[in-house]
C-alpha atoms as a PDB file:
ATOM      1  CA  MET A   1      95.405  54.450  55.047  1.00  0.00           C
ATOM      2  CA  ARG A   2      92.608  52.022  54.281  1.00  0.00           C
ATOM      3  CA  PHE A   3      89.792  53.665  52.367  1.00  0.00           C
ATOM      4  CA  ILE A   4      86.593  52.322  53.929  1.00  0.00           C
ATOM      5  CA  CYS A   5      83.947  54.832  52.809  1.00  0.00           C
ATOM      6  CA  THR A   6      83.099  52.726  49.760  1.00  0.00           C
ATOM      7  CA  SER A   7      81.617  50.162  52.150  1.00  0.00           C
ATOM      8  CA  VAL A   8      79.009  52.559  53.588  1.00  0.00           C
ATOM      9  CA  SER A   9      76.504  52.240  50.744  1.00  0.00           C
ATOM     10  CA  LYS A  10      76.253  51.596  47.024  1.00  0.00           C
ATOM     11  CA  THR A  11      75.583  55.290  46.451  1.00  0.00           C
ATOM     12  CA  TRP A  12      78.768  56.317  48.292  1.00  0.00           C
ATOM     13  CA  LYS A  13      80.758  53.641  46.462  1.00  0.00           C
ATOM     14  CA  SER A  14      79.494  54.785  43.068  1.00  0.00           C
ATOM     15  CA  LEU A  15      80.270  58.434  43.882  1.00  0.00           C
ATOM     16  CA  ILE A  16      83.752  57.809  45.259  1.00  0.00           C
ATOM     17  CA  GLN A  17      84.767  55.562  42.358  1.00  0.00           C
ATOM     18  CA  ASN A  18      83.595  58.123  39.806  1.00  0.00           C
ATOM     19  CA  PRO A  19      86.569  59.493  37.802  1.00  0.00           C
ATOM     20  CA  THR A  20      85.370  63.081  38.333  1.00  0.00           C
ATOM     21  CA  PHE A  21      85.317  62.606  42.107  1.00  0.00           C
ATOM     22  CA  ILE A  22      88.778  60.995  42.009  1.00  0.00           C
ATOM     23  CA  SER A  23      90.122  63.937  39.996  1.00  0.00           C
ATOM     24  CA  THR A  24      88.540  66.459  42.386  1.00  0.00           C
ATOM     25  CA  HIS A  25      89.970  64.641  45.400  1.00  0.00           C
ATOM     26  CA  LEU A  26      93.409  64.634  43.764  1.00  0.00           C
ATOM     27  CA  HIS A  27      93.203  68.379  43.114  1.00  0.00           C
ATOM     28  CA  HIS A  28      92.249  68.919  46.771  1.00  0.00           C
ATOM     29  CA  SER A  29      95.195  66.788  47.932  1.00  0.00           C
ATOM     30  CA  HIS A  30      97.587  68.931  45.890  1.00  0.00           C
ATOM     31  CA  ASN A  31      96.166  72.112  47.395  1.00  0.00           C
ATOM     32  CA  LYS A  32      96.539  70.784  50.959  1.00  0.00           C
ATOM     33  CA  ASN A  33     100.326  70.850  50.464  1.00  0.00           C
ATOM     34  CA  GLN A  34     101.043  68.349  53.239  1.00  0.00           C
ATOM     35  CA  ASN A  35     104.724  67.990  52.289  1.00  0.00           C
ATOM     36  CA  LEU A  36     104.634  64.217  52.587  1.00  0.00           C
ATOM     37  CA  PHE A  37     107.654  62.166  51.595  1.00  0.00           C
ATOM     38  CA  LEU A  38     107.659  58.464  50.812  1.00  0.00           C
ATOM     39  CA  LEU A  39     110.556  56.424  52.140  1.00  0.00           C
ATOM     40  CA  SER A  40     110.902  52.901  50.791  1.00  0.00           C
ATOM     41  CA  VAL A  41     113.499  50.457  52.092  1.00  0.00           C
ATOM     42  CA  SER A  42     113.724  47.093  50.332  1.00  0.00           C
ATOM     43  CA  ARG A  43     115.456  44.065  51.755  1.00  0.00           C
ATOM     44  CA  ILE A  44     115.498  40.505  50.501  1.00  0.00           C
ATOM     45  CA  GLY A  45     112.023  39.140  51.083  1.00  0.00           C
ATOM     46  CA  LYS A  46     110.626  42.195  52.887  1.00  0.00           C
ATOM     47  CA  GLN A  47     109.871  45.861  52.254  1.00  0.00           C
ATOM     48  CA  PHE A  48     109.177  48.804  54.533  1.00  0.00           C
ATOM     49  CA  TYR A  49     107.210  51.872  53.457  1.00  0.00           C
ATOM     50  CA  THR A  50     106.716  54.998  55.538  1.00  0.00           C
ATOM     51  CA  LEU A  51     105.394  58.503  54.939  1.00  0.00           C
ATOM     52  CA  HIS A  52     107.150  61.437  56.588  1.00  0.00           C
ATOM     53  CA  LYS A  53     105.850  64.964  57.048  1.00  0.00           C
ATOM     54  CA  GLU A  54     108.020  68.065  56.888  1.00  0.00           C
ATOM     55  CA  ASP A  55     107.136  71.686  57.539  1.00  0.00           C
ATOM     56  CA  ASP A  56     108.906  74.885  58.578  1.00  0.00           C
ATOM     57  CA  ASP A  57     107.794  74.577  62.213  1.00  0.00           C
ATOM     58  CA  ASP A  58     109.053  71.010  62.551  1.00  0.00           C
ATOM     59  CA  PRO A  59     111.945  70.296  60.161  1.00  0.00           C
ATOM     60  CA  ASP A  60     112.666  66.821  61.540  1.00  0.00           C
ATOM     61  CA  PHE A  61     111.963  63.838  59.333  1.00  0.00           C
ATOM     62  CA  ILE A  62     109.113  62.567  61.504  1.00  0.00           C
ATOM     63  CA  GLU A  63     107.115  59.502  60.509  1.00  0.00           C
ATOM     64  CA  TYR A  64     103.562  60.428  59.526  1.00  0.00           C
ATOM     65  CA  THR A  65     102.286  56.912  58.887  1.00  0.00           C
ATOM     66  CA  SER A  66     103.467  53.552  57.568  1.00  0.00           C
ATOM     67  CA  PHE A  67     101.970  50.787  55.469  1.00  0.00           C
ATOM     68  CA  ASP A  68     102.842  47.201  54.734  1.00  0.00           C
ATOM     69  CA  SER A  69     103.739  45.836  51.356  1.00  0.00           C
ATOM     70  CA  PRO A  70     100.688  44.257  49.698  1.00  0.00           C
ATOM     71  CA  PHE A  71     102.847  41.247  48.860  1.00  0.00           C
ATOM     72  CA  HIS A  72     103.538  40.133  52.429  1.00  0.00           C
ATOM     73  CA  ALA A  73     100.397  37.998  52.393  1.00  0.00           C
ATOM     74  CA  PRO A  74     101.302  34.333  51.709  1.00  0.00           C
ATOM     75  CA  HIS A  75      99.042  34.035  48.647  1.00  0.00           C
ATOM     76  CA  LEU A  76     100.665  37.108  47.051  1.00  0.00           C
ATOM     77  CA  GLN A  77     104.297  36.246  47.692  1.00  0.00           C
ATOM     78  CA  HIS A  78     106.506  35.237  44.784  1.00  0.00           C
ATOM     79  CA  PRO A  79     108.325  31.932  45.189  1.00  0.00           C
ATOM     80  CA  HIS A  80     111.868  33.240  44.659  1.00  0.00           C
ATOM     81  CA  HIS A  81     111.755  35.802  47.519  1.00  0.00           C
ATOM     82  CA  ARG A  82     113.419  38.473  45.455  1.00  0.00           C
ATOM     83  CA  THR A  83     113.154  42.177  46.107  1.00  0.00           C
ATOM     84  CA  TYR A  84     110.592  44.810  45.166  1.00  0.00           C
ATOM     85  CA  TYR A  85     112.118  48.150  44.154  1.00  0.00           C
ATOM     86  CA  ALA A  86     110.361  51.498  43.827  1.00  0.00           C
ATOM     87  CA  CYS A  87     110.703  52.857  40.267  1.00  0.00           C
ATOM     88  CA  GLY A  88     108.860  56.099  40.957  1.00  0.00           C
ATOM     89  CA  THR A  89     105.760  57.669  42.471  1.00  0.00           C
ATOM     90  CA  PHE A  90     103.255  60.269  41.329  1.00  0.00           C
ATOM     91  CA  ASN A  91      99.752  61.280  42.480  1.00  0.00           C
ATOM     92  CA  GLY A  92      99.673  58.556  45.122  1.00  0.00           C
ATOM     93  CA  LEU A  93     100.662  55.734  42.774  1.00  0.00           C
ATOM     94  CA  ILE A  94     103.876  53.827  43.409  1.00  0.00           C
ATOM     95  CA  CYS A  95     105.536  51.873  40.606  1.00  0.00           C
ATOM     96  CA  LEU A  96     107.300  48.739  41.840  1.00  0.00           C
ATOM     97  CA  SER A  97     109.554  46.321  40.007  1.00  0.00           C
ATOM     98  CA  TYR A  98     110.102  42.762  41.182  1.00  0.00           C
ATOM     99  CA  GLY A  99     113.338  40.881  40.596  1.00  0.00           C
ATOM    100  CA  LEU A 100     116.870  42.041  39.918  1.00  0.00           C
ATOM    101  CA  ARG A 101     117.368  45.795  39.579  1.00  0.00           C
ATOM    102  CA  ASN A 102     118.352  45.629  35.911  1.00  0.00           C
ATOM    103  CA  ARG A 103     116.281  42.570  34.971  1.00  0.00           C
ATOM    104  CA  ALA A 104     112.853  43.108  36.499  1.00  0.00           C
ATOM    105  CA  GLU A 105     110.463  40.187  36.149  1.00  0.00           C
ATOM    106  CA  VAL A 106     107.164  41.883  37.053  1.00  0.00           C
ATOM    107  CA  ILE A 107     105.976  45.510  37.272  1.00  0.00           C
ATOM    108  CA  PHE A 108     103.177  46.752  39.562  1.00  0.00           C
ATOM    109  CA  LEU A 109     101.289  50.002  40.060  1.00  0.00           C
ATOM    110  CA  TRP A 110     100.207  50.300  43.689  1.00  0.00           C
ATOM    111  CA  ASN A 111      98.052  52.762  45.602  1.00  0.00           C
ATOM    112  CA  PRO A 112      98.460  52.036  49.338  1.00  0.00           C
ATOM    113  CA  CYS A 113      95.795  54.604  50.250  1.00  0.00           C
ATOM    114  CA  VAL A 114      93.026  52.547  48.615  1.00  0.00           C
ATOM    115  CA  ARG A 115      94.809  49.207  49.114  1.00  0.00           C
ATOM    116  CA  LYS A 116      94.815  48.279  45.445  1.00  0.00           C
ATOM    117  CA  PHE A 117      97.538  47.213  43.055  1.00  0.00           C
ATOM    118  CA  LEU A 118      97.728  46.400  39.383  1.00  0.00           C
ATOM    119  CA  GLN A 119     100.142  43.878  37.869  1.00  0.00           C
ATOM    120  CA  LEU A 120     101.207  45.005  34.426  1.00  0.00           C
ATOM    121  CA  PRO A 121     101.457  42.534  31.552  1.00  0.00           C
ATOM    122  CA  TYR A 122     105.074  42.065  30.570  1.00  0.00           C
ATOM    123  CA  PRO A 123     106.303  43.457  27.215  1.00  0.00           C
ATOM    124  CA  ASP A 124     106.788  41.001  24.371  1.00  0.00           C
ATOM    125  CA  VAL A 125     110.476  41.834  23.925  1.00  0.00           C
ATOM    126  CA  THR A 126     112.453  39.878  26.527  1.00  0.00           C
ATOM    127  CA  VAL A 127     115.821  38.254  27.119  1.00  0.00           C
ATOM    128  CA  GLY A 128     114.383  35.163  25.458  1.00  0.00           C
ATOM    129  CA  THR A 129     113.636  37.062  22.238  1.00  0.00           C
ATOM    130  CA  HIS A 130     116.706  39.314  22.068  1.00  0.00           C
ATOM    131  CA  GLY A 131     119.450  37.583  24.067  1.00  0.00           C
ATOM    132  CA  ALA A 132     121.532  39.074  26.891  1.00  0.00           C
ATOM    133  CA  SER A 133     120.076  42.417  27.884  1.00  0.00           C
ATOM    134  CA  CYS A 134     119.367  44.785  30.770  1.00  0.00           C
ATOM    135  CA  THR A 135     116.315  46.898  31.496  1.00  0.00           C
ATOM    136  CA  SER A 136     115.453  50.113  33.272  1.00  0.00           C
ATOM    137  CA  PHE A 137     111.914  51.191  34.165  1.00  0.00           C
ATOM    138  CA  GLY A 138     110.592  54.690  34.757  1.00  0.00           C
ATOM    139  CA  PHE A 139     107.169  55.951  35.856  1.00  0.00           C
ATOM    140  CA  GLY A 140     105.459  59.297  35.458  1.00  0.00           C
ATOM    141  CA  PHE A 141     102.379  61.267  34.450  1.00  0.00           C
ATOM    142  CA  ASP A 142     101.517  62.698  31.042  1.00  0.00           C
ATOM    143  CA  PRO A 143      99.548  65.937  31.611  1.00  0.00           C
ATOM    144  CA  LYS A 144      98.691  66.192  27.906  1.00  0.00           C
ATOM    145  CA  THR A 145      96.575  63.031  27.970  1.00  0.00           C
ATOM    146  CA  ASN A 146      95.953  62.876  31.733  1.00  0.00           C
ATOM    147  CA  ASP A 147      97.496  59.416  31.736  1.00  0.00           C
ATOM    148  CA  TYR A 148     100.043  57.505  33.811  1.00  0.00           C
ATOM    149  CA  LYS A 149     102.825  55.808  31.881  1.00  0.00           C
ATOM    150  CA  VAL A 150     105.536  53.249  32.577  1.00  0.00           C
ATOM    151  CA  VAL A 151     108.560  53.308  30.277  1.00  0.00           C
ATOM    152  CA  ARG A 152     110.940  50.399  29.799  1.00  0.00           C
ATOM    153  CA  ILE A 153     114.340  50.780  28.154  1.00  0.00           C
ATOM    154  CA  LEU A 154     115.871  47.460  27.097  1.00  0.00           C
ATOM    155  CA  TYR A 155     119.424  47.563  25.793  1.00  0.00           C
ATOM    156  CA  ILE A 156     121.096  44.542  24.198  1.00  0.00           C
ATOM    157  CA  LEU A 157     124.475  43.655  25.678  1.00  0.00           C
ATOM    158  CA  CYS A 158     127.525  42.647  23.713  1.00  0.00           C
ATOM    159  CA  GLY A 159     129.900  40.852  26.067  1.00  0.00           C
ATOM    160  CA  HIS A 160     130.242  43.661  28.634  1.00  0.00           C
ATOM    161  CA  LEU A 161     127.839  45.383  31.010  1.00  0.00           C
ATOM    162  CA  TYR A 162     127.894  48.720  29.167  1.00  0.00           C
ATOM    163  CA  LEU A 163     128.948  47.514  25.722  1.00  0.00           C
ATOM    164  CA  VAL A 164     125.873  47.632  23.503  1.00  0.00           C
ATOM    165  CA  LYS A 165     125.509  46.867  19.816  1.00  0.00           C
ATOM    166  CA  SER A 166     122.246  48.570  18.849  1.00  0.00           C
ATOM    167  CA  ARG A 167     119.782  51.248  19.821  1.00  0.00           C
ATOM    168  CA  PRO A 168     117.657  50.307  22.861  1.00  0.00           C
ATOM    169  CA  VAL A 169     114.190  48.842  22.558  1.00  0.00           C
ATOM    170  CA  VAL A 170     111.655  51.152  24.225  1.00  0.00           C
ATOM    171  CA  ASP A 171     108.185  50.133  25.409  1.00  0.00           C
ATOM    172  CA  VAL A 172     105.546  52.472  26.857  1.00  0.00           C
ATOM    173  CA  TYR A 173     102.668  51.237  29.045  1.00  0.00           C
ATOM    174  CA  SER A 174      99.563  53.400  29.317  1.00  0.00           C
ATOM    175  CA  LEU A 175      97.331  52.989  32.366  1.00  0.00           C
ATOM    176  CA  SER A 176      94.322  54.277  30.400  1.00  0.00           C
ATOM    177  CA  THR A 177      94.624  51.562  27.746  1.00  0.00           C
ATOM    178  CA  GLY A 178      96.231  48.843  29.861  1.00  0.00           C
ATOM    179  CA  GLU A 179      98.638  47.972  27.046  1.00  0.00           C
ATOM    180  CA  TRP A 180     102.299  48.268  26.073  1.00  0.00           C
ATOM    181  CA  ARG A 181     103.422  49.882  22.820  1.00  0.00           C
ATOM    182  CA  ILE A 182     106.864  49.564  21.237  1.00  0.00           C
ATOM    183  CA  LEU A 183     108.246  52.857  19.966  1.00  0.00           C
ATOM    184  CA  SER A 184     109.052  52.221  16.332  1.00  0.00           C
ATOM    185  CA  ALA A 185     109.678  55.642  14.790  1.00  0.00           C
ATOM    186  CA  SER A 186     113.425  56.089  14.395  1.00  0.00           C
ATOM    187  CA  ALA A 187     113.229  59.777  15.316  1.00  0.00           C
ATOM    188  CA  SER A 188     111.643  58.880  18.664  1.00  0.00           C
ATOM    189  CA  LEU A 189     114.295  56.390  19.780  1.00  0.00           C
ATOM    190  CA  PRO A 190     117.454  57.075  21.781  1.00  0.00           C
ATOM    191  CA  PRO A 191     120.932  56.635  20.281  1.00  0.00           C
ATOM    192  CA  ILE A 192     123.096  53.567  20.868  1.00  0.00           C
ATOM    193  CA  CYS A 193     123.578  53.768  24.631  1.00  0.00           C
ATOM    194  CA  ALA A 194     123.083  52.023  27.973  1.00  0.00           C
ATOM    195  CA  VAL A 195     121.682  53.277  31.276  1.00  0.00           C
ATOM    196  CA  THR A 196     124.576  53.319  33.727  1.00  0.00           C
ATOM    197  CA  SER A 197     122.767  53.346  37.065  1.00  0.00           C
ATOM    198  CA  CYS A 198     120.369  50.917  38.729  1.00  0.00           C
ATOM    199  CA  SER A 199     118.699  53.885  40.451  1.00  0.00           C
ATOM    200  CA  PRO A 200     115.278  54.879  39.091  1.00  0.00           C
ATOM    201  CA  PRO A 201     115.144  57.831  36.691  1.00  0.00           C
ATOM    202  CA  ALA A 202     114.226  61.321  37.888  1.00  0.00           C
ATOM    203  CA  PHE A 203     110.771  62.514  36.818  1.00  0.00           C
ATOM    204  CA  ALA A 204     110.562  66.297  36.371  1.00  0.00           C
ATOM    205  CA  ASN A 205     108.574  68.618  34.100  1.00  0.00           C
ATOM    206  CA  GLY A 206     106.718  65.739  32.476  1.00  0.00           C
ATOM    207  CA  ALA A 207     109.896  63.886  31.493  1.00  0.00           C
ATOM    208  CA  LEU A 208     112.000  60.979  32.740  1.00  0.00           C
ATOM    209  CA  HIS A 209     115.767  61.445  33.098  1.00  0.00           C
ATOM    210  CA  TRP A 210     118.433  58.720  33.127  1.00  0.00           C
ATOM    211  CA  ILE A 211     122.221  58.838  33.209  1.00  0.00           C
ATOM    212  CA  ALA A 212     123.378  56.958  30.132  1.00  0.00           C
ATOM    213  CA  VAL A 213     126.667  56.179  28.420  1.00  0.00           C
ATOM    214  CA  ALA A 214     127.093  56.367  24.644  1.00  0.00           C
ATOM    215  CA  ASP A 215     129.132  54.008  22.485  1.00  0.00           C
ATOM    216  CA  ASP A 216     132.068  56.465  22.770  1.00  0.00           C
ATOM    217  CA  ASN A 217     131.945  56.039  26.610  1.00  0.00           C
ATOM    218  CA  LYS A 218     130.720  59.596  27.203  1.00  0.00           C
ATOM    219  CA  GLN A 219     127.993  60.030  29.807  1.00  0.00           C
ATOM    220  CA  PHE A 220     124.935  62.198  29.236  1.00  0.00           C
ATOM    221  CA  VAL A 221     121.379  62.694  30.502  1.00  0.00           C
ATOM    222  CA  LEU A 222     118.871  60.688  28.468  1.00  0.00           C
ATOM    223  CA  VAL A 223     115.488  62.456  28.580  1.00  0.00           C
ATOM    224  CA  PHE A 224     112.116  61.024  27.558  1.00  0.00           C
ATOM    225  CA  ASP A 225     109.132  63.360  27.334  1.00  0.00           C
ATOM    226  CA  LEU A 226     105.993  61.440  28.292  1.00  0.00           C
ATOM    227  CA  GLY A 227     103.742  63.724  26.230  1.00  0.00           C
ATOM    228  CA  ASP A 228     105.646  63.819  22.938  1.00  0.00           C
ATOM    229  CA  GLU A 229     107.189  60.354  23.526  1.00  0.00           C
ATOM    230  CA  VAL A 230     110.493  61.517  22.066  1.00  0.00           C
ATOM    231  CA  PHE A 231     114.006  61.137  23.495  1.00  0.00           C
ATOM    232  CA  ARG A 232     116.566  63.894  23.650  1.00  0.00           C
ATOM    233  CA  GLN A 233     119.988  64.332  25.238  1.00  0.00           C
ATOM    234  CA  ILE A 234     121.382  66.824  27.744  1.00  0.00           C
ATOM    235  CA  LEU A 235     125.112  67.222  28.248  1.00  0.00           C
ATOM    236  CA  LEU A 236     126.468  66.734  31.759  1.00  0.00           C
ATOM    237  CA  PRO A 237     128.806  69.309  33.353  1.00  0.00           C
ATOM    238  CA  GLU A 238     132.307  69.213  31.889  1.00  0.00           C
ATOM    239  CA  LEU A 239     134.866  68.623  34.625  1.00  0.00           C
ATOM    240  CA  PRO A 240     138.586  67.810  34.518  1.00  0.00           C
ATOM    241  CA  GLY A 241     139.506  64.145  34.787  1.00  0.00           C
ATOM    242  CA  GLU A 242     137.290  61.100  34.479  1.00  0.00           C
ATOM    243  CA  ILE A 243     134.029  61.605  36.373  1.00  0.00           C
ATOM    244  CA  LEU A 244     131.496  58.885  37.104  1.00  0.00           C
ATOM    245  CA  TRP A 245     128.123  60.501  37.607  1.00  0.00           C
ATOM    246  CA  THR A 246     126.225  58.281  40.036  1.00  0.00           C
ATOM    247  CA  ARG A 247     122.638  59.494  40.282  1.00  0.00           C
ATOM    248  CA  LEU A 248     120.053  61.956  39.029  1.00  0.00           C
ATOM    249  CA  SER A 249     117.447  63.362  41.371  1.00  0.00           C
ATOM    250  CA  VAL A 250     114.553  65.791  41.210  1.00  0.00           C
ATOM    251  CA  TYR A 251     115.437  69.184  42.666  1.00  0.00           C
ATOM    252  CA  GLY A 252     112.554  71.637  42.771  1.00  0.00           C
ATOM    253  CA  ASN A 253     111.195  71.895  39.218  1.00  0.00           C
ATOM    254  CA  SER A 254     114.420  70.649  37.690  1.00  0.00           C
ATOM    255  CA  ILE A 255     117.090  67.994  38.268  1.00  0.00           C
ATOM    256  CA  ALA A 256     120.379  67.563  40.106  1.00  0.00           C
ATOM    257  CA  VAL A 257     123.251  65.162  39.531  1.00  0.00           C
ATOM    258  CA  PHE A 258     125.590  63.576  42.102  1.00  0.00           C
ATOM    259  CA  TYR A 259     129.079  62.213  41.859  1.00  0.00           C
ATOM    260  CA  ILE A 260     131.273  60.759  44.601  1.00  0.00           C
ATOM    261  CA  THR A 261     134.968  60.001  44.760  1.00  0.00           C
ATOM    262  CA  GLY A 262     136.759  58.033  47.457  1.00  0.00           C
ATOM    263  CA  GLY A 263     135.943  54.722  49.065  1.00  0.00           C
ATOM    264  CA  ILE A 264     136.508  52.572  52.112  1.00  0.00           C
ATOM    265  CA  ASP A 265     139.057  54.100  54.504  1.00  0.00           C
ATOM    266  CA  GLN A 266     139.303  57.193  52.308  1.00  0.00           C
ATOM    267  CA  MET A 267     137.948  60.684  52.594  1.00  0.00           C
ATOM    268  CA  ALA A 268     134.881  60.847  50.367  1.00  0.00           C
ATOM    269  CA  GLN A 269     134.248  63.901  48.220  1.00  0.00           C
ATOM    270  CA  ILE A 270     130.643  64.518  47.237  1.00  0.00           C
ATOM    271  CA  SER A 271     129.672  66.966  44.522  1.00  0.00           C
ATOM    272  CA  ILE A 272     126.182  67.975  43.427  1.00  0.00           C
ATOM    273  CA  TRP A 273     125.329  70.049  40.376  1.00  0.00           C
ATOM    274  CA  VAL A 274     121.854  71.546  39.832  1.00  0.00           C
ATOM    275  CA  MET A 275     120.306  72.419  36.479  1.00  0.00           C
ATOM    276  CA  LYS A 276     118.891  75.885  37.143  1.00  0.00           C
ATOM    277  CA  GLU A 277     116.884  76.007  33.899  1.00  0.00           C
ATOM    278  CA  HIS A 278     115.393  72.660  33.067  1.00  0.00           C
ATOM    279  CA  GLY A 279     116.620  71.241  29.773  1.00  0.00           C
ATOM    280  CA  VAL A 280     119.395  73.822  29.319  1.00  0.00           C
ATOM    281  CA  ALA A 281     122.842  72.243  29.684  1.00  0.00           C
ATOM    282  CA  SER A 282     124.545  75.636  30.085  1.00  0.00           C
ATOM    283  CA  SER A 283     122.556  76.186  33.296  1.00  0.00           C
ATOM    284  CA  TRP A 284     124.339  73.400  35.217  1.00  0.00           C
ATOM    285  CA  THR A 285     125.508  75.083  38.431  1.00  0.00           C
ATOM    286  CA  PRO A 286     127.713  73.613  41.197  1.00  0.00           C
ATOM    287  CA  PHE A 287     125.459  73.221  44.230  1.00  0.00           C
ATOM    288  CA  PHE A 288     128.130  72.078  46.631  1.00  0.00           C
ATOM    289  CA  THR A 289     131.281  70.031  46.900  1.00  0.00           C
ATOM    290  CA  ALA A 290     132.360  68.748  50.277  1.00  0.00           C
ATOM    291  CA  ASP A 291     134.724  66.255  51.899  1.00  0.00           C
ATOM    292  CA  PHE A 292     133.287  63.766  54.378  1.00  0.00           C
ATOM    293  CA  ASP A 293     135.012  61.405  56.742  1.00  0.00           C
ATOM    294  CA  PHE A 294     132.322  59.115  58.121  1.00  0.00           C
ATOM    295  CA  GLY A 295     134.929  56.498  58.881  1.00  0.00           C
ATOM    296  CA  GLU A 296     132.777  53.927  57.140  1.00  0.00           C
ATOM    297  CA  ALA A 297     132.178  52.429  53.703  1.00  0.00           C
ATOM    298  CA  MET A 298     130.959  53.955  50.466  1.00  0.00           C
ATOM    299  CA  ILE A 299     128.303  56.659  50.519  1.00  0.00           C
ATOM    300  CA  LYS A 300     125.279  56.511  48.219  1.00  0.00           C
ATOM    301  CA  PRO A 301     123.091  59.542  47.369  1.00  0.00           C
ATOM    302  CA  ILE A 302     119.328  59.025  47.575  1.00  0.00           C
ATOM    303  CA  GLY A 303     117.759  62.402  46.808  1.00  0.00           C
ATOM    304  CA  PHE A 304     116.570  65.580  48.494  1.00  0.00           C
ATOM    305  CA  ARG A 305     114.239  66.442  51.330  1.00  0.00           C
ATOM    306  CA  MET A 306     111.598  69.149  50.959  1.00  0.00           C
ATOM    307  CA  ASN A 307     113.868  71.627  52.775  1.00  0.00           C
ATOM    308  CA  GLY A 308     116.702  71.088  50.280  1.00  0.00           C
ATOM    309  CA  ASP A 309     118.825  68.769  52.427  1.00  0.00           C
ATOM    310  CA  ALA A 310     120.548  65.985  50.508  1.00  0.00           C
ATOM    311  CA  VAL A 311     119.903  62.427  51.777  1.00  0.00           C
ATOM    312  CA  PHE A 312     122.544  59.679  51.731  1.00  0.00           C
ATOM    313  CA  VAL A 313     122.924  56.055  52.778  1.00  0.00           C
ATOM    314  CA  PHE A 314     126.355  55.203  54.161  1.00  0.00           C
ATOM    315  CA  GLY A 315     128.179  52.543  56.112  1.00  0.00           C
ATOM    316  CA  GLU A 316     125.904  49.797  57.364  1.00  0.00           C
ATOM    317  CA  GLY A 317     122.891  51.519  55.835  1.00  0.00           C
ATOM    318  CA  LYS A 318     122.518  54.575  58.069  1.00  0.00           C
ATOM    319  CA  LEU A 319     120.404  57.345  56.574  1.00  0.00           C
ATOM    320  CA  VAL A 320     121.687  60.907  56.965  1.00  0.00           C
ATOM    321  CA  SER A 321     120.659  64.278  55.603  1.00  0.00           C
ATOM    322  CA  TRP A 322     123.137  67.054  54.920  1.00  0.00           C
ATOM    323  CA  ASN A 323     122.369  70.772  54.718  1.00  0.00           C
ATOM    324  CA  PRO A 324     124.648  72.460  52.168  1.00  0.00           C
ATOM    325  CA  GLU A 325     124.327  75.890  53.811  1.00  0.00           C
ATOM    326  CA  SER A 326     124.856  75.062  57.478  1.00  0.00           C
ATOM    327  CA  LYS A 327     127.050  72.008  56.690  1.00  0.00           C
ATOM    328  CA  GLU A 328     125.014  70.195  59.335  1.00  0.00           C
ATOM    329  CA  ILE A 329     124.766  66.404  59.165  1.00  0.00           C
ATOM    330  CA  LYS A 330     121.607  64.955  60.688  1.00  0.00           C
ATOM    331  CA  TYR A 331     121.191  61.271  61.438  1.00  0.00           C
ATOM    332  CA  LEU A 332     117.644  60.256  60.544  1.00  0.00           C
ATOM    333  CA  ARG A 333     117.627  57.256  62.907  1.00  0.00           C
ATOM    334  CA  MET A 334     116.703  54.931  60.043  1.00  0.00           C
ATOM    335  CA  ILE A 335     118.453  52.096  58.287  1.00  0.00           C
ATOM    336  CA  GLY A 336     118.473  51.999  54.498  1.00  0.00           C
ATOM    337  CA  ASP A 337     120.090  49.848  51.847  1.00  0.00           C
ATOM    338  CA  ASP A 338     120.740  49.657  48.125  1.00  0.00           C
ATOM    339  CA  GLY A 339     117.004  49.769  47.402  1.00  0.00           C
ATOM    340  CA  THR A 340     116.227  52.868  49.479  1.00  0.00           C
ATOM    341  CA  PHE A 341     113.931  55.289  47.644  1.00  0.00           C
ATOM    342  CA  ILE A 342     112.716  58.745  48.647  1.00  0.00           C
ATOM    343  CA  ASP A 343     110.300  61.080  46.848  1.00  0.00           C
ATOM    344  CA  SER A 344     107.433  63.474  47.481  1.00  0.00           C
ATOM    345  CA  TYR A 345     104.015  61.885  47.902  1.00  0.00           C
ATOM    346  CA  ILE A 346     100.329  62.788  48.094  1.00  0.00           C
ATOM    347  CA  GLU A 347      97.365  60.611  49.019  1.00  0.00           C
ATOM    348  CA  SER A 348      94.908  59.895  46.209  1.00  0.00           C
ATOM    349  CA  LEU A 349      92.087  57.597  45.055  1.00  0.00           C
ATOM    350  CA  VAL A 350      93.703  56.621  41.740  1.00  0.00           C
ATOM    351  CA  LEU A 351      93.021  52.945  40.824  1.00  0.00           C
ATOM    352  CA  LEU A 352      89.602  52.975  42.541  1.00  0.00           C
ATOM    353  CA  ASP A 353      88.014  53.377  39.121  1.00  0.00           C
ATOM    354  CA  LYS A 354      89.681  50.235  37.746  1.00  0.00           C
ATOM    355  CA  ALA A 355      87.586  47.099  37.298  1.00  0.00           C
ATOM    356  CA  THR A 356      87.777  44.635  40.183  1.00  0.00           C
ATOM    357  CA  ASN A 357      89.076  41.893  37.899  1.00  0.00           C
ATOM    358  CA  VAL A 358      92.031  44.128  36.888  1.00  0.00           C
ATOM    359  CA  ALA A 359      93.111  45.944  40.045  1.00  0.00           C
ATOM    360  CA  VAL A 360      93.590  43.637  43.037  1.00  0.00           C
ATOM    361  CA  THR A 361      92.239  44.656  46.439  1.00  0.00           C
ATOM    362  CA  TYR A 362      94.122  43.277  49.434  1.00  0.00           C
END
């Protein structure tokens, strides 16, 4: 994974770090269609990152390569030994948050291919300025401006985890400018709500998607378009009884939503609904509903493989994939946890064009 060609000569280094070359290389990586998937498993004090390759001839989730966290080095470790969580990945960049899932202390953009990372400045609005609050970070790419953006939603708590008293504060970080901006236009802001899941948002069709709960306790999909920088809402499927939607995930060019009922020593029922036409609530379609008896603890959905299999963590952290057509359960021979993250991935040179005093080489 280490990119060493920049050390050959000054001419090579200048060429490879040129934004045009980086863009051309990125376009070539997309066309190669390697079907790489990033798997990130975070544990207290240590992280594991692997790339897996899938194709029609070899459908197994085989490890393609692995890379260490850049923060394992003693001089880069934080003193509190908290966890790094993946907030998203796009074009070879991985967005990591450090700290508690809903109260991140530091945000990084990391490209393991070129062994560089960038620590983002922290927004001005914090717990110290606004009192008890929670945050959720999302990461994606704005094709209109050819820019990478990190979005932070900060919602002010009022005595209970999901009881909020005002509209969230929203900050947007632009990689091209290196600065945060607070969204101030009332029409651009979300309603009074709180993000209900610690899982990262799903990035699809240029927009980030969270599951949120309004002040009337109804859940919905909160959508933020990275180009227009405007929020909108999408209704979730209407089902009988009280349903707790647990996670959104990218599915093809759209999104899917999971919910699970049951618990320890109970048969677990897993349901997945897919939005066939992105942004159209009436296109929610039941993908599958199935009963599982793993004989273990709660099951947590992670996302989808390239072949459409759903991936779950269950029991003591075992990773499994489940094919909705064949009903086949496949053990992936890996151990995950609450911080497990899976998404498609391509290798790129993004961050090579950043100044050496901004992006850190390790």
